[in-house]
C-alpha atoms as a PDB file:
ATOM      1  CA  MET A   1      -0.163  -0.248  -0.220  1.00  0.00           C
ATOM      2  CA  GLU A   2       2.176   2.784   0.884  1.00  0.00           C
ATOM      3  CA  GLU A   3       4.475   0.830  -2.292  1.00  0.00           C
ATOM      4  CA  SER A   4       1.643   2.482  -4.002  1.00  0.00           C
ATOM      5  CA  LYS A   5       0.595   6.173  -2.877  1.00  0.00           C
ATOM      6  CA  GLN A   6       3.551   6.693  -3.169  1.00  0.00           C
ATOM      7  CA  LYS A   7       4.086   5.972  -6.988  1.00  0.00           C
ATOM      8  CA  VAL A   8       0.961   8.188  -7.097  1.00  0.00           C
ATOM      9  CA  LYS A   9       2.946  10.709  -5.631  1.00  0.00           C
ATOM     10  CA  GLU A  10       5.943  10.573  -7.829  1.00  0.00           C
ATOM     11  CA  GLN A  11       3.748  10.869 -10.342  1.00  0.00           C
ATOM     12  CA  ILE A  12       1.433  13.706  -9.193  1.00  0.00           C
ATOM     13  CA  LEU A  13       5.450  15.688  -8.960  1.00  0.00           C
ATOM     14  CA  HIS A  14       5.555  14.486 -13.100  1.00  0.00           C
ATOM     15  CA  LEU A  15       2.760  16.192 -14.240  1.00  0.00           C
ATOM     16  CA  LEU A  16       2.759  19.479 -12.405  1.00  0.00           C
ATOM     17  CA  LYS A  17       6.320  19.227 -13.372  1.00  0.00           C
ATOM     18  CA  MET A  18       5.196  18.404 -17.274  1.00  0.00           C
ATOM     19  CA  ARG A  19       2.396  20.490 -17.071  1.00  0.00           C
ATOM     20  CA  GLY A  20       1.864  23.050 -14.827  1.00  0.00           C
ATOM     21  CA  ALA A  21       0.022  24.029 -12.158  1.00  0.00           C
ATOM     22  CA  GLN A  22      -3.149  22.039 -12.643  1.00  0.00           C
ATOM     23  CA  THR A  23      -6.445  21.334  -9.819  1.00  0.00           C
ATOM     24  CA  ALA A  24      -6.544  18.236  -8.005  1.00  0.00           C
ATOM     25  CA  ALA A  25      -9.737  16.564 -10.597  1.00  0.00           C
ATOM     26  CA  MET A  26      -7.419  17.792 -12.912  1.00  0.00           C
ATOM     27  CA  LEU A  27      -4.592  15.423 -12.197  1.00  0.00           C
ATOM     28  CA  ALA A  28      -7.583  12.685 -11.049  1.00  0.00           C
ATOM     29  CA  GLU A  29      -8.806  12.393 -14.437  1.00  0.00           C
ATOM     30  CA  GLN A  30      -5.340  11.923 -15.730  1.00  0.00           C
ATOM     31  CA  LEU A  31      -4.561   9.960 -13.167  1.00  0.00           C
ATOM     32  CA  GLN A  32      -7.676   8.054 -12.945  1.00  0.00           C
ATOM     33  CA  VAL A  33      -7.717   8.464  -9.490  1.00  0.00           C
ATOM     34  CA  SER A  34     -10.351   9.571  -7.262  1.00  0.00           C
ATOM     35  CA  PRO A  35      -9.885  13.725  -6.078  1.00  0.00           C
ATOM     36  CA  MET A  36     -10.076  13.055  -2.704  1.00  0.00           C
ATOM     37  CA  ALA A  37      -7.032  10.542  -2.892  1.00  0.00           C
ATOM     38  CA  VAL A  38      -5.540  13.137  -5.355  1.00  0.00           C
ATOM     39  CA  ARG A  39      -6.272  15.367  -2.633  1.00  0.00           C
ATOM     40  CA  GLN A  40      -4.620  13.649   0.099  1.00  0.00           C
ATOM     41  CA  HIS A  41      -1.283  12.855  -1.839  1.00  0.00           C
ATOM     42  CA  LEU A  42      -1.475  17.060  -1.508  1.00  0.00           C
ATOM     43  CA  GLN A  43      -1.919  17.819   1.428  1.00  0.00           C
ATOM     44  CA  SER A  44       0.601  15.568   2.308  1.00  0.00           C
ATOM     45  CA  LEU A  45       3.658  17.055  -0.793  1.00  0.00           C
ATOM     46  CA  LYS A  46       2.617  20.228   0.914  1.00  0.00           C
ATOM     47  CA  ALA A  47       3.214  19.143   4.506  1.00  0.00           C
ATOM     48  CA  GLU A  48       6.964  18.114   2.735  1.00  0.00           C
ATOM     49  CA  GLU A  49       7.710  21.144   1.284  1.00  0.00           C
ATOM     50  CA  TRP A  50       6.974  19.762  -2.364  1.00  0.00           C
ATOM     51  CA  VAL A  51       4.187  21.563  -3.419  1.00  0.00           C
ATOM     52  CA  THR A  52       2.014  24.830  -3.085  1.00  0.00           C
ATOM     53  CA  TYR A  53      -0.851  26.259  -3.845  1.00  0.00           C
ATOM     54  CA  GLN A  54      -2.590  29.705  -5.180  1.00  0.00           C
ATOM     55  CA  GLU A  55      -6.516  30.012  -5.138  1.00  0.00           C
ATOM     56  CA  GLU A  56      -7.763  31.441  -8.726  1.00  0.00           C
ATOM     57  CA  ARG A  57     -11.151  32.615  -8.913  1.00  0.00           C
ATOM     58  CA  ARG A  58     -13.506  31.436 -11.790  1.00  0.00           C
ATOM     59  CA  PRO A  59     -16.889  33.155 -12.495  1.00  0.00           C
ATOM     60  CA  LEU A  60     -19.054  30.608 -11.393  1.00  0.00           C
ATOM     61  CA  GLY A  61     -18.560  28.923  -8.220  1.00  0.00           C
ATOM     62  CA  ARG A  62     -15.527  28.814  -5.285  1.00  0.00           C
ATOM     63  CA  PRO A  63     -12.158  30.005  -6.268  1.00  0.00           C
ATOM     64  CA  VAL A  64      -9.957  26.993  -6.996  1.00  0.00           C
ATOM     65  CA  LYS A  65      -6.645  25.438  -6.033  1.00  0.00           C
ATOM     66  CA  LEU A  66      -4.399  25.277  -8.727  1.00  0.00           C
ATOM     67  CA  TRP A  67      -1.676  23.312  -7.249  1.00  0.00           C
ATOM     68  CA  ARG A  68       2.661  24.202  -8.541  1.00  0.00           C
ATOM     69  CA  LEU A  69       5.721  22.339  -7.160  1.00  0.00           C
ATOM     70  CA  THR A  70       8.064  24.151  -5.274  1.00  0.00           C
ATOM     71  CA  MET A  71      11.716  25.989  -5.944  1.00  0.00           C
ATOM     72  CA  GLN A  72      12.391  22.814  -3.339  1.00  0.00           C
ATOM     73  CA  SER A  73      11.101  20.334  -5.685  1.00  0.00           C
ATOM     74  CA  PHE A  74      14.129  20.618  -7.955  1.00  0.00           C
ATOM     75  CA  ASP A  75      15.582  18.278  -5.993  1.00  0.00           C
ATOM     76  CA  ARG A  76      13.666  15.710  -6.610  1.00  0.00           C
ATOM     77  CA  PHE A  77      14.121  15.908  -9.991  1.00  0.00           C
ATOM     78  CA  PRO A  78      17.522  15.066 -11.945  1.00  0.00           C
ATOM     79  CA  ASP A  79      20.608  17.460 -11.612  1.00  0.00           C
ATOM     80  CA  SER A  80      23.551  16.277 -13.107  1.00  0.00           C
ATOM     81  CA  HIS A  81      26.599  16.380 -10.437  1.00  0.00           C
ATOM     82  CA  ALA A  82      25.141  20.593  -9.584  1.00  0.00           C
ATOM     83  CA  ASP A  83      27.854  21.247  -7.398  1.00  0.00           C
ATOM     84  CA  LEU A  84      30.776  19.164  -8.762  1.00  0.00           C
ATOM     85  CA  MET A  85      29.346  21.848 -11.245  1.00  0.00           C
ATOM     86  CA  LEU A  86      29.838  25.086  -9.526  1.00  0.00           C
ATOM     87  CA  ASP A  87      32.841  24.623  -8.252  1.00  0.00           C
ATOM     88  CA  LEU A  88      34.637  23.743 -11.482  1.00  0.00           C
ATOM     89  CA  LEU A  89      33.269  26.534 -12.505  1.00  0.00           C
ATOM     90  CA  ARG A  90      34.128  29.409 -10.297  1.00  0.00           C
ATOM     91  CA  SER A  91      38.184  27.679  -9.971  1.00  0.00           C
ATOM     92  CA  LEU A  92      38.095  28.001 -13.878  1.00  0.00           C
ATOM     93  CA  GLU A  93      37.141  31.472 -13.568  1.00  0.00           C
ATOM     94  CA  THR A  94      39.763  32.279  -9.914  1.00  0.00           C
ATOM     95  CA  VAL A  95      42.239  30.740 -12.503  1.00  0.00           C
ATOM     96  CA  PHE A  96      41.420  32.020 -16.588  1.00  0.00           C
ATOM     97  CA  GLY A  97      39.815  35.313 -15.326  1.00  0.00           C
ATOM     98  CA  SER A  98      36.270  35.540 -16.647  1.00  0.00           C
ATOM     99  CA  ASP A  99      37.680  35.761 -20.661  1.00  0.00           C
ATOM    100  CA  GLY A 100      38.941  32.409 -20.335  1.00  0.00           C
ATOM    101  CA  LEU A 101      35.516  31.621 -18.676  1.00  0.00           C
ATOM    102  CA  ASP A 102      34.020  32.600 -22.169  1.00  0.00           C
ATOM    103  CA  ARG A 103      36.068  30.622 -24.517  1.00  0.00           C
ATOM    104  CA  LEU A 104      35.810  27.496 -22.184  1.00  0.00           C
ATOM    105  CA  MET A 105      31.978  28.109 -22.906  1.00  0.00           C
ATOM    106  CA  ALA A 106      32.263  28.502 -26.160  1.00  0.00           C
ATOM    107  CA  ASP A 107      34.569  26.008 -27.180  1.00  0.00           C
ATOM    108  CA  ARG A 108      31.157  23.806 -25.430  1.00  0.00           C
ATOM    109  CA  SER A 109      29.220  25.207 -27.680  1.00  0.00           C
ATOM    110  CA  ARG A 110      31.171  24.342 -30.863  1.00  0.00           C
ATOM    111  CA  ARG A 111      31.393  20.800 -29.973  1.00  0.00           C
ATOM    112  CA  GLN A 112      27.670  20.848 -28.874  1.00  0.00           C
ATOM    113  CA  ILE A 113      26.589  22.147 -31.646  1.00  0.00           C
ATOM    114  CA  GLN A 114      29.187  19.071 -34.006  1.00  0.00           C
ATOM    115  CA  THR A 115      27.531  16.587 -31.307  1.00  0.00           C
ATOM    116  CA  TYR A 116      24.063  17.416 -31.640  1.00  0.00           C
ATOM    117  CA  ARG A 117      24.495  18.437 -35.966  1.00  0.00           C
ATOM    118  CA  ALA A 118      25.374  14.768 -36.542  1.00  0.00           C
ATOM    119  CA  LYS A 119      23.026  13.137 -33.437  1.00  0.00           C
ATOM    120  CA  VAL A 120      20.658  15.048 -35.938  1.00  0.00           C
ATOM    121  CA  ALA A 121      21.135  14.175 -38.987  1.00  0.00           C
ATOM    122  CA  GLU A 122      21.461  10.095 -37.937  1.00  0.00           C
ATOM    123  CA  LEU A 123      17.598  10.666 -36.671  1.00  0.00           C
ATOM    124  CA  THR A 124      15.412  12.753 -39.228  1.00  0.00           C
ATOM    125  CA  THR A 125      14.966  13.394 -43.220  1.00  0.00           C
ATOM    126  CA  ALA A 126      17.163  15.901 -44.165  1.00  0.00           C
ATOM    127  CA  GLY A 127      16.017  19.217 -44.412  1.00  0.00           C
ATOM    128  CA  ASP A 128      13.223  18.344 -42.028  1.00  0.00           C
ATOM    129  CA  TRP A 129      13.043  21.197 -39.461  1.00  0.00           C
ATOM    130  CA  ARG A 130      10.417  19.809 -37.924  1.00  0.00           C
ATOM    131  CA  GLN A 131      12.330  16.420 -37.682  1.00  0.00           C
ATOM    132  CA  HIS A 132      15.223  18.226 -36.299  1.00  0.00           C
ATOM    133  CA  VAL A 133      12.753  19.923 -33.154  1.00  0.00           C
ATOM    134  CA  ARG A 134      11.620  16.898 -32.405  1.00  0.00           C
ATOM    135  CA  ALA A 135      15.478  15.393 -32.558  1.00  0.00           C
ATOM    136  CA  ILE A 136      16.455  17.944 -30.096  1.00  0.00           C
ATOM    137  CA  ALA A 137      14.409  17.297 -27.447  1.00  0.00           C
ATOM    138  CA  HIS A 138      15.174  14.092 -27.075  1.00  0.00           C
ATOM    139  CA  LEU A 139      18.446  14.362 -27.113  1.00  0.00           C
ATOM    140  CA  ARG A 140      18.246  16.648 -24.286  1.00  0.00           C
ATOM    141  CA  THR A 141      15.581  14.234 -22.397  1.00  0.00           C
ATOM    142  CA  GLN A 142      18.667  11.450 -22.564  1.00  0.00           C
ATOM    143  CA  GLU A 143      21.003  14.599 -20.960  1.00  0.00           C
ATOM    144  CA  GLY A 144      18.301  15.189 -18.602  1.00  0.00           C
ATOM    145  CA  TYR A 145      15.780  17.811 -19.240  1.00  0.00           C
ATOM    146  CA  MET A 146      12.454  16.394 -19.819  1.00  0.00           C
ATOM    147  CA  ALA A 147      12.136  18.308 -23.142  1.00  0.00           C
ATOM    148  CA  GLU A 148       9.112  17.533 -25.304  1.00  0.00           C
ATOM    149  CA  VAL A 149       7.685  20.249 -28.559  1.00  0.00           C
ATOM    150  CA  ILE A 150       4.183  21.254 -28.723  1.00  0.00           C
ATOM    151  CA  GLU A 151       2.582  22.326 -31.921  1.00  0.00           C
ATOM    152  CA  GLN A 152       2.157  25.986 -32.253  1.00  0.00           C
ATOM    153  CA  PRO A 153       0.075  28.422 -34.938  1.00  0.00           C
ATOM    154  CA  GLY A 154       1.978  29.385 -38.034  1.00  0.00           C
ATOM    155  CA  ASN A 155       4.073  27.463 -38.759  1.00  0.00           C
ATOM    156  CA  ALA A 156       6.025  27.253 -35.035  1.00  0.00           C
ATOM    157  CA  LEU A 157       7.092  24.220 -32.880  1.00  0.00           C
ATOM    158  CA  LEU A 158       7.312  24.910 -28.832  1.00  0.00           C
ATOM    159  CA  LEU A 159      10.908  22.958 -27.760  1.00  0.00           C
ATOM    160  CA  VAL A 160      10.375  22.769 -24.589  1.00  0.00           C
ATOM    161  CA  GLU A 161      12.876  22.239 -21.304  1.00  0.00           C
ATOM    162  CA  ASN A 162      10.329  21.326 -18.005  1.00  0.00           C
ATOM    163  CA  HIS A 163      13.781  20.730 -16.520  1.00  0.00           C
ATOM    164  CA  CYS A 164      17.163  22.470 -16.247  1.00  0.00           C
ATOM    165  CA  PRO A 165      19.976  19.575 -14.752  1.00  0.00           C
ATOM    166  CA  ILE A 166      22.392  22.783 -14.757  1.00  0.00           C
ATOM    167  CA  CYS A 167      20.073  24.876 -13.596  1.00  0.00           C
ATOM    168  CA  LEU A 168      22.497  26.044  -9.873  1.00  0.00           C
ATOM    169  CA  ALA A 169      25.477  26.346 -12.493  1.00  0.00           C
ATOM    170  CA  ALA A 170      23.380  28.674 -15.285  1.00  0.00           C
ATOM    171  CA  GLN A 171      22.417  30.604 -11.824  1.00  0.00           C
ATOM    172  CA  THR A 172      26.477  31.713 -11.928  1.00  0.00           C
ATOM    173  CA  CYS A 173      27.659  31.214 -15.234  1.00  0.00           C
ATOM    174  CA  GLN A 174      24.675  33.423 -17.432  1.00  0.00           C
ATOM    175  CA  ASN A 175      26.659  31.888 -20.523  1.00  0.00           C
ATOM    176  CA  LEU A 176      25.576  28.745 -20.252  1.00  0.00           C
ATOM    177  CA  CYS A 177      21.697  29.320 -21.110  1.00  0.00           C
ATOM    178  CA  ARG A 178      22.968  31.994 -23.961  1.00  0.00           C
ATOM    179  CA  ALA A 179      25.118  28.927 -25.161  1.00  0.00           C
ATOM    180  CA  GLU A 180      21.834  26.740 -25.482  1.00  0.00           C
ATOM    181  CA  LEU A 181      20.053  30.002 -27.492  1.00  0.00           C
ATOM    182  CA  GLU A 182      22.839  29.233 -29.560  1.00  0.00           C
ATOM    183  CA  VAL A 183      23.283  25.497 -30.502  1.00  0.00           C
ATOM    184  CA  PHE A 184      19.542  25.255 -31.142  1.00  0.00           C
ATOM    185  CA  THR A 185      19.952  28.370 -33.839  1.00  0.00           C
ATOM    186  CA  ALA A 186      23.109  26.976 -35.537  1.00  0.00           C
ATOM    187  CA  VAL A 187      21.949  23.067 -35.088  1.00  0.00           C
ATOM    188  CA  LEU A 188      18.391  23.723 -36.608  1.00  0.00           C
ATOM    189  CA  GLY A 189      19.771  26.184 -39.534  1.00  0.00           C
ATOM    190  CA  SER A 190      19.226  29.365 -41.716  1.00  0.00           C
ATOM    191  CA  THR A 191      15.449  27.570 -42.636  1.00  0.00           C
ATOM    192  CA  VAL A 192      13.817  28.440 -38.767  1.00  0.00           C
ATOM    193  CA  THR A 193      14.583  31.040 -36.073  1.00  0.00           C
ATOM    194  CA  VAL A 194      14.305  30.274 -32.764  1.00  0.00           C
ATOM    195  CA  GLU A 195      13.126  32.878 -29.625  1.00  0.00           C
ATOM    196  CA  ARG A 196      13.412  31.441 -26.088  1.00  0.00           C
ATOM    197  CA  VAL A 197      10.306  32.723 -24.667  1.00  0.00           C
ATOM    198  CA  GLU A 198       9.845  31.596 -21.565  1.00  0.00           C
ATOM    199  CA  HIS A 199      13.556  31.098 -18.979  1.00  0.00           C
ATOM    200  CA  ILE A 200      13.489  29.430 -15.223  1.00  0.00           C
ATOM    201  CA  LEU A 201      16.112  32.021 -14.490  1.00  0.00           C
ATOM    202  CA  GLN A 202      13.278  34.681 -15.235  1.00  0.00           C
ATOM    203  CA  GLY A 203      10.646  33.096 -13.014  1.00  0.00           C
ATOM    204  CA  ASP A 204       9.330  30.899 -15.269  1.00  0.00           C
ATOM    205  CA  ARG A 205       8.473  27.505 -14.274  1.00  0.00           C
ATOM    206  CA  ARG A 206      10.481  25.866 -17.630  1.00  0.00           C
ATOM    207  CA  CYS A 207      12.182  26.558 -20.271  1.00  0.00           C
ATOM    208  CA  ALA A 208      11.197  27.069 -24.189  1.00  0.00           C
ATOM    209  CA  TYR A 209      11.579  28.111 -27.519  1.00  0.00           C
ATOM    210  CA  ARG A 210       9.540  29.323 -30.479  1.00  0.00           C
ATOM    211  CA  VAL A 211      10.975  27.987 -33.344  1.00  0.00           C
ATOM    212  CA  VAL A 212       9.196  28.818 -36.721  1.00  0.00           C
ATOM    213  CA  GLY A 213       9.695  28.052 -40.041  1.00  0.00           C
ATOM    214  CA  ARG A 214      10.359  31.051 -42.996  1.00  0.00           C
ATOM    215  CA  VAL A 215       7.996  31.351 -45.040  1.00  0.00           C
ATOM    216  CA  GLY A 216       8.436  28.535 -48.082  1.00  0.00           C
ATOM    217  CA  GLU A 217      10.080  25.160 -45.544  1.00  0.00           C
END
């Protein structure tokens, strides 16, 4: 029984991570369990400070509780050796200075672009930018970013990263985030435009990139 309860809790956390704020009823429908059971799990998670809620008024009826993850919940998701990376970045800047750290980030981006281009070419058809975006999402998910692609109007796709496994390092080294946008732009090429429209470090719950095909693509 305890194992079953823990499984449902993990599923709730995963849904809130991937889909954002939701009501208990919405979660219950997706998990195919009773709203009462979900509310009990949410209260338990709230006591552990993994989730919180905000009341939202509706035109009719009582306000509803929209549940979302807390910042503390980041500990429940993959973090690629954050403390080690943070320490290394600080040491590199101390030894080589800001210019040296910039050169290091530039070299990392160059190698990342080469790797992504090669892997995208293996997974997709040449010239199909939509396949390329989905291939990047697949690669990023393997790296812990919990990525997905969402269709958008206007010949566009939204490349979403629901988790940042290097968040602590990115807070210290802003170049990591700037490099991410540059890598996507370079790998996807001139047939699309790429714009970051949501950013975890700016207070959003996820990072998201709107990729728009140019006319005729």
